[in-house]
């Protein structure tokens, strides 16, 4: 029962471990790209679970105390809150952490080099196109890879049959 409340090291070491691991994982996820945090496939979910397991010992070291775990949790949640706080107030900080949306297609032209650069498969784009009711590339006005990892598609507006007939607009 004593191990439950006694830390295996100084309290500040837990804070430092939490900060270092949070920043390192944030930078690594940022480097790997938006798709890692966006539309999860089963493979992506496995990577996220294994990532958590991989950094576990970096966070807690040899400590098995309840207090140590709670300190790490509070540190991670506090850092996450701070990132959101600064991201909402400083555009440059937000752009660094979140990145910027990327154009994948425009006016019927798919940018295949951008798909490769962003690790977006043709099938992922095709799924997003179907969701937007686009049946061919020519239907695309704009397709974006958002900072969340989601692909959004704006469809070209096609005039309805018979549209434009009748009285001119004023």
C-alpha atoms as a PDB file:
ATOM      1  CA  UNK A   1       0.000   0.000   0.000  1.00  0.00           C
ATOM      2  CA  UNK A   2       2.942   2.305   0.671  1.00  0.00           C
ATOM      3  CA  UNK A   3       4.074   2.051  -3.003  1.00  0.00           C
ATOM      4  CA  UNK A   4       0.716   3.478  -4.037  1.00  0.00           C
ATOM      5  CA  UNK A   5       1.539   6.936  -2.662  1.00  0.00           C
ATOM      6  CA  UNK A   6       5.343   7.150  -2.612  1.00  0.00           C
ATOM      7  CA  UNK A   7       7.195   8.364  -5.693  1.00  0.00           C
ATOM      8  CA  UNK A   8      10.309   6.579  -6.926  1.00  0.00           C
ATOM      9  CA  UNK A   9      12.009   9.901  -7.706  1.00  0.00           C
ATOM     10  CA  UNK A  10      11.645  13.639  -7.225  1.00  0.00           C
ATOM     11  CA  UNK A  11       8.271  15.169  -8.219  1.00  0.00           C
ATOM     12  CA  UNK A  12       9.838  17.518 -10.767  1.00  0.00           C
ATOM     13  CA  UNK A  13      11.211  14.524 -12.712  1.00  0.00           C
ATOM     14  CA  UNK A  14       7.646  13.441 -13.512  1.00  0.00           C
ATOM     15  CA  UNK A  15       6.802  16.907 -14.808  1.00  0.00           C
ATOM     16  CA  UNK A  16       9.982  16.989 -16.893  1.00  0.00           C
ATOM     17  CA  UNK A  17       9.307  13.510 -18.299  1.00  0.00           C
ATOM     18  CA  UNK A  18       5.760  14.504 -19.217  1.00  0.00           C
ATOM     19  CA  UNK A  19       6.884  17.707 -20.936  1.00  0.00           C
ATOM     20  CA  UNK A  20       9.701  16.038 -22.894  1.00  0.00           C
ATOM     21  CA  UNK A  21       7.556  13.117 -24.080  1.00  0.00           C
ATOM     22  CA  UNK A  22       4.620  15.395 -24.996  1.00  0.00           C
ATOM     23  CA  UNK A  23       6.798  17.727 -27.059  1.00  0.00           C
ATOM     24  CA  UNK A  24       8.668  14.830 -28.705  1.00  0.00           C
ATOM     25  CA  UNK A  25       5.465  13.017 -29.697  1.00  0.00           C
ATOM     26  CA  UNK A  26       3.902  16.295 -30.882  1.00  0.00           C
ATOM     27  CA  UNK A  27       6.896  17.005 -33.119  1.00  0.00           C
ATOM     28  CA  UNK A  28       7.003  13.425 -34.433  1.00  0.00           C
ATOM     29  CA  UNK A  29       3.284  13.418 -35.260  1.00  0.00           C
ATOM     30  CA  UNK A  30       3.714  16.801 -36.942  1.00  0.00           C
ATOM     31  CA  UNK A  31       6.613  15.468 -39.032  1.00  0.00           C
ATOM     32  CA  UNK A  32       4.730  12.338 -40.121  1.00  0.00           C
ATOM     33  CA  UNK A  33       1.815  14.385 -41.371  1.00  0.00           C
ATOM     34  CA  UNK A  34      -1.869  15.012 -41.072  1.00  0.00           C
ATOM     35  CA  UNK A  35      -2.956  11.546 -42.126  1.00  0.00           C
ATOM     36  CA  UNK A  36      -1.599  10.103 -38.872  1.00  0.00           C
ATOM     37  CA  UNK A  37      -4.149  12.016 -36.838  1.00  0.00           C
ATOM     38  CA  UNK A  38      -6.961  12.112 -39.352  1.00  0.00           C
ATOM     39  CA  UNK A  39      -9.076   9.341 -40.784  1.00  0.00           C
ATOM     40  CA  UNK A  40      -8.093   6.278 -38.790  1.00  0.00           C
ATOM     41  CA  UNK A  41      -7.759   2.955 -40.500  1.00  0.00           C
ATOM     42  CA  UNK A  42      -7.255  -0.171 -38.355  1.00  0.00           C
ATOM     43  CA  UNK A  43      -3.520   0.119 -39.098  1.00  0.00           C
ATOM     44  CA  UNK A  44      -3.469   3.744 -37.887  1.00  0.00           C
ATOM     45  CA  UNK A  45      -5.247   2.772 -34.664  1.00  0.00           C
ATOM     46  CA  UNK A  46      -2.661   0.068 -33.998  1.00  0.00           C
ATOM     47  CA  UNK A  47       0.102   2.652 -34.438  1.00  0.00           C
ATOM     48  CA  UNK A  48      -1.569   5.010 -31.945  1.00  0.00           C
ATOM     49  CA  UNK A  49      -1.976   2.247 -29.348  1.00  0.00           C
ATOM     50  CA  UNK A  50       1.616   1.099 -29.816  1.00  0.00           C
ATOM     51  CA  UNK A  51       2.842   4.688 -29.620  1.00  0.00           C
ATOM     52  CA  UNK A  52       1.189   5.029 -26.221  1.00  0.00           C
ATOM     53  CA  UNK A  53       2.758   1.792 -25.061  1.00  0.00           C
ATOM     54  CA  UNK A  54       6.168   2.783 -26.433  1.00  0.00           C
ATOM     55  CA  UNK A  55       6.317   6.050 -24.502  1.00  0.00           C
ATOM     56  CA  UNK A  56       4.872   4.625 -21.284  1.00  0.00           C
ATOM     57  CA  UNK A  57       8.223   3.846 -19.680  1.00  0.00           C
ATOM     58  CA  UNK A  58       9.618   7.176 -20.824  1.00  0.00           C
ATOM     59  CA  UNK A  59       6.835   8.823 -18.883  1.00  0.00           C
ATOM     60  CA  UNK A  60       6.821   6.858 -15.644  1.00  0.00           C
ATOM     61  CA  UNK A  61      10.244   5.213 -15.541  1.00  0.00           C
ATOM     62  CA  UNK A  62      10.287   2.670 -12.712  1.00  0.00           C
ATOM     63  CA  UNK A  63       7.497   4.363 -10.791  1.00  0.00           C
ATOM     64  CA  UNK A  64       4.281   2.450 -10.160  1.00  0.00           C
ATOM     65  CA  UNK A  65       2.692   4.885  -7.722  1.00  0.00           C
ATOM     66  CA  UNK A  66      -0.766   6.341  -8.128  1.00  0.00           C
ATOM     67  CA  UNK A  67       0.566   9.837  -7.496  1.00  0.00           C
ATOM     68  CA  UNK A  68       3.236   9.491 -10.205  1.00  0.00           C
ATOM     69  CA  UNK A  69       0.640   8.389 -12.773  1.00  0.00           C
ATOM     70  CA  UNK A  70      -1.698  11.224 -11.804  1.00  0.00           C
ATOM     71  CA  UNK A  71       1.131  13.757 -12.046  1.00  0.00           C
ATOM     72  CA  UNK A  72       1.965  12.552 -15.557  1.00  0.00           C
ATOM     73  CA  UNK A  73      -1.710  12.669 -16.554  1.00  0.00           C
ATOM     74  CA  UNK A  74      -2.090  16.206 -15.165  1.00  0.00           C
ATOM     75  CA  UNK A  75       1.086  17.306 -16.945  1.00  0.00           C
ATOM     76  CA  UNK A  76      -0.072  15.917 -20.308  1.00  0.00           C
ATOM     77  CA  UNK A  77      -3.546  17.418 -19.964  1.00  0.00           C
ATOM     78  CA  UNK A  78      -2.061  20.751 -18.881  1.00  0.00           C
ATOM     79  CA  UNK A  79       0.274  20.802 -21.861  1.00  0.00           C
ATOM     80  CA  UNK A  80      -2.598  19.937 -24.178  1.00  0.00           C
ATOM     81  CA  UNK A  81      -4.615  22.821 -22.727  1.00  0.00           C
ATOM     82  CA  UNK A  82      -1.648  25.199 -23.161  1.00  0.00           C
ATOM     83  CA  UNK A  83      -1.221  24.182 -26.811  1.00  0.00           C
ATOM     84  CA  UNK A  84      -4.913  24.912 -27.404  1.00  0.00           C
ATOM     85  CA  UNK A  85      -4.693  28.194 -25.489  1.00  0.00           C
ATOM     86  CA  UNK A  86      -1.694  29.491 -27.450  1.00  0.00           C
ATOM     87  CA  UNK A  87      -2.979  28.054 -30.729  1.00  0.00           C
ATOM     88  CA  UNK A  88      -6.212  30.043 -30.345  1.00  0.00           C
ATOM     89  CA  UNK A  89      -4.287  33.260 -29.724  1.00  0.00           C
ATOM     90  CA  UNK A  90      -1.239  33.068 -31.990  1.00  0.00           C
ATOM     91  CA  UNK A  91      -1.609  32.110 -35.647  1.00  0.00           C
ATOM     92  CA  UNK A  92       2.074  31.275 -36.102  1.00  0.00           C
ATOM     93  CA  UNK A  93       1.997  28.900 -33.142  1.00  0.00           C
ATOM     94  CA  UNK A  94      -1.210  27.284 -34.412  1.00  0.00           C
ATOM     95  CA  UNK A  95       0.268  26.887 -37.900  1.00  0.00           C
ATOM     96  CA  UNK A  96       3.371  25.251 -36.431  1.00  0.00           C
ATOM     97  CA  UNK A  97       1.390  22.797 -34.298  1.00  0.00           C
ATOM     98  CA  UNK A  98      -1.605  22.145 -36.561  1.00  0.00           C
ATOM     99  CA  UNK A  99      -0.082  22.808 -39.971  1.00  0.00           C
ATOM    100  CA  UNK A 100      -1.998  24.245 -42.902  1.00  0.00           C
ATOM    101  CA  UNK A 101      -4.617  22.671 -45.168  1.00  0.00           C
ATOM    102  CA  UNK A 102      -3.221  21.253 -48.414  1.00  0.00           C
ATOM    103  CA  UNK A 103      -4.892  21.410 -51.827  1.00  0.00           C
ATOM    104  CA  UNK A 104      -5.185  17.898 -53.290  1.00  0.00           C
ATOM    105  CA  UNK A 105      -7.250  18.797 -56.373  1.00  0.00           C
ATOM    106  CA  UNK A 106      -8.640  21.910 -58.019  1.00  0.00           C
ATOM    107  CA  UNK A 107     -10.958  22.498 -60.975  1.00  0.00           C
ATOM    108  CA  UNK A 108     -10.977  18.856 -62.034  1.00  0.00           C
ATOM    109  CA  UNK A 109      -7.207  18.360 -61.751  1.00  0.00           C
ATOM    110  CA  UNK A 110      -5.914  15.936 -59.111  1.00  0.00           C
ATOM    111  CA  UNK A 111      -2.430  16.776 -57.817  1.00  0.00           C
ATOM    112  CA  UNK A 112      -0.941  13.291 -57.571  1.00  0.00           C
ATOM    113  CA  UNK A 113       2.396  14.576 -56.249  1.00  0.00           C
ATOM    114  CA  UNK A 114       0.542  16.197 -53.319  1.00  0.00           C
ATOM    115  CA  UNK A 115      -1.319  12.957 -52.651  1.00  0.00           C
ATOM    116  CA  UNK A 116       2.014  11.127 -52.405  1.00  0.00           C
ATOM    117  CA  UNK A 117       3.642  13.895 -50.338  1.00  0.00           C
ATOM    118  CA  UNK A 118       0.738  13.834 -47.854  1.00  0.00           C
ATOM    119  CA  UNK A 119       0.466  10.009 -47.818  1.00  0.00           C
ATOM    120  CA  UNK A 120      -3.088  10.108 -49.154  1.00  0.00           C
ATOM    121  CA  UNK A 121      -4.028   7.128 -51.294  1.00  0.00           C
ATOM    122  CA  UNK A 122      -6.094   7.397 -54.451  1.00  0.00           C
ATOM    123  CA  UNK A 123      -8.734   5.320 -52.669  1.00  0.00           C
ATOM    124  CA  UNK A 124      -8.903   7.781 -49.741  1.00  0.00           C
ATOM    125  CA  UNK A 125      -9.519  10.589 -52.218  1.00  0.00           C
ATOM    126  CA  UNK A 126     -12.092   8.468 -54.077  1.00  0.00           C
ATOM    127  CA  UNK A 127     -13.981   7.854 -50.816  1.00  0.00           C
ATOM    128  CA  UNK A 128     -14.065  11.592 -50.096  1.00  0.00           C
ATOM    129  CA  UNK A 129     -15.261  12.261 -53.651  1.00  0.00           C
ATOM    130  CA  UNK A 130     -18.095   9.749 -53.298  1.00  0.00           C
ATOM    131  CA  UNK A 131     -19.142  11.348 -50.003  1.00  0.00           C
ATOM    132  CA  UNK A 132     -19.301  14.716 -51.809  1.00  0.00           C
ATOM    133  CA  UNK A 133     -21.328  13.153 -54.648  1.00  0.00           C
ATOM    134  CA  UNK A 134     -18.510  13.715 -57.161  1.00  0.00           C
ATOM    135  CA  UNK A 135     -18.464  10.935 -59.730  1.00  0.00           C
ATOM    136  CA  UNK A 136     -15.348  11.986 -61.629  1.00  0.00           C
ATOM    137  CA  UNK A 137     -12.386  14.301 -61.263  1.00  0.00           C
ATOM    138  CA  UNK A 138     -14.081  16.857 -63.494  1.00  0.00           C
ATOM    139  CA  UNK A 139     -16.708  17.295 -60.741  1.00  0.00           C
ATOM    140  CA  UNK A 140     -14.102  18.595 -58.287  1.00  0.00           C
ATOM    141  CA  UNK A 141     -13.943  22.326 -57.700  1.00  0.00           C
ATOM    142  CA  UNK A 142     -11.599  21.914 -54.712  1.00  0.00           C
ATOM    143  CA  UNK A 143     -10.353  18.986 -52.598  1.00  0.00           C
ATOM    144  CA  UNK A 144      -8.433  19.795 -49.428  1.00  0.00           C
ATOM    145  CA  UNK A 145      -6.567  17.757 -46.849  1.00  0.00           C
ATOM    146  CA  UNK A 146      -7.575  19.612 -43.694  1.00  0.00           C
ATOM    147  CA  UNK A 147      -5.323  20.007 -40.668  1.00  0.00           C
ATOM    148  CA  UNK A 148      -7.486  17.394 -38.929  1.00  0.00           C
ATOM    149  CA  UNK A 149      -6.529  14.829 -41.596  1.00  0.00           C
ATOM    150  CA  UNK A 150     -10.018  14.881 -43.111  1.00  0.00           C
ATOM    151  CA  UNK A 151     -10.417  15.317 -46.860  1.00  0.00           C
ATOM    152  CA  UNK A 152     -13.078  17.842 -47.801  1.00  0.00           C
ATOM    153  CA  UNK A 153     -14.372  18.210 -51.334  1.00  0.00           C
ATOM    154  CA  UNK A 154     -16.259  21.089 -52.917  1.00  0.00           C
ATOM    155  CA  UNK A 155     -18.193  20.008 -55.942  1.00  0.00           C
ATOM    156  CA  UNK A 156     -18.405  22.018 -59.160  1.00  0.00           C
ATOM    157  CA  UNK A 157     -21.813  23.503 -59.597  1.00  0.00           C
ATOM    158  CA  UNK A 158     -23.231  22.297 -62.851  1.00  0.00           C
ATOM    159  CA  UNK A 159     -26.150  24.212 -64.335  1.00  0.00           C
ATOM    160  CA  UNK A 160     -29.378  22.241 -64.237  1.00  0.00           C
ATOM    161  CA  UNK A 161     -30.887  21.150 -67.537  1.00  0.00           C
ATOM    162  CA  UNK A 162     -32.880  24.065 -68.884  1.00  0.00           C
ATOM    163  CA  UNK A 163     -31.247  26.519 -66.486  1.00  0.00           C
ATOM    164  CA  UNK A 164     -30.502  29.899 -67.908  1.00  0.00           C
ATOM    165  CA  UNK A 165     -33.641  29.866 -70.003  1.00  0.00           C
ATOM    166  CA  UNK A 166     -36.370  32.299 -69.248  1.00  0.00           C
ATOM    167  CA  UNK A 167     -36.222  35.869 -68.108  1.00  0.00           C
ATOM    168  CA  UNK A 168     -32.839  37.525 -67.611  1.00  0.00           C
ATOM    169  CA  UNK A 169     -31.939  38.409 -64.033  1.00  0.00           C
ATOM    170  CA  UNK A 170     -31.706  42.058 -63.031  1.00  0.00           C
END
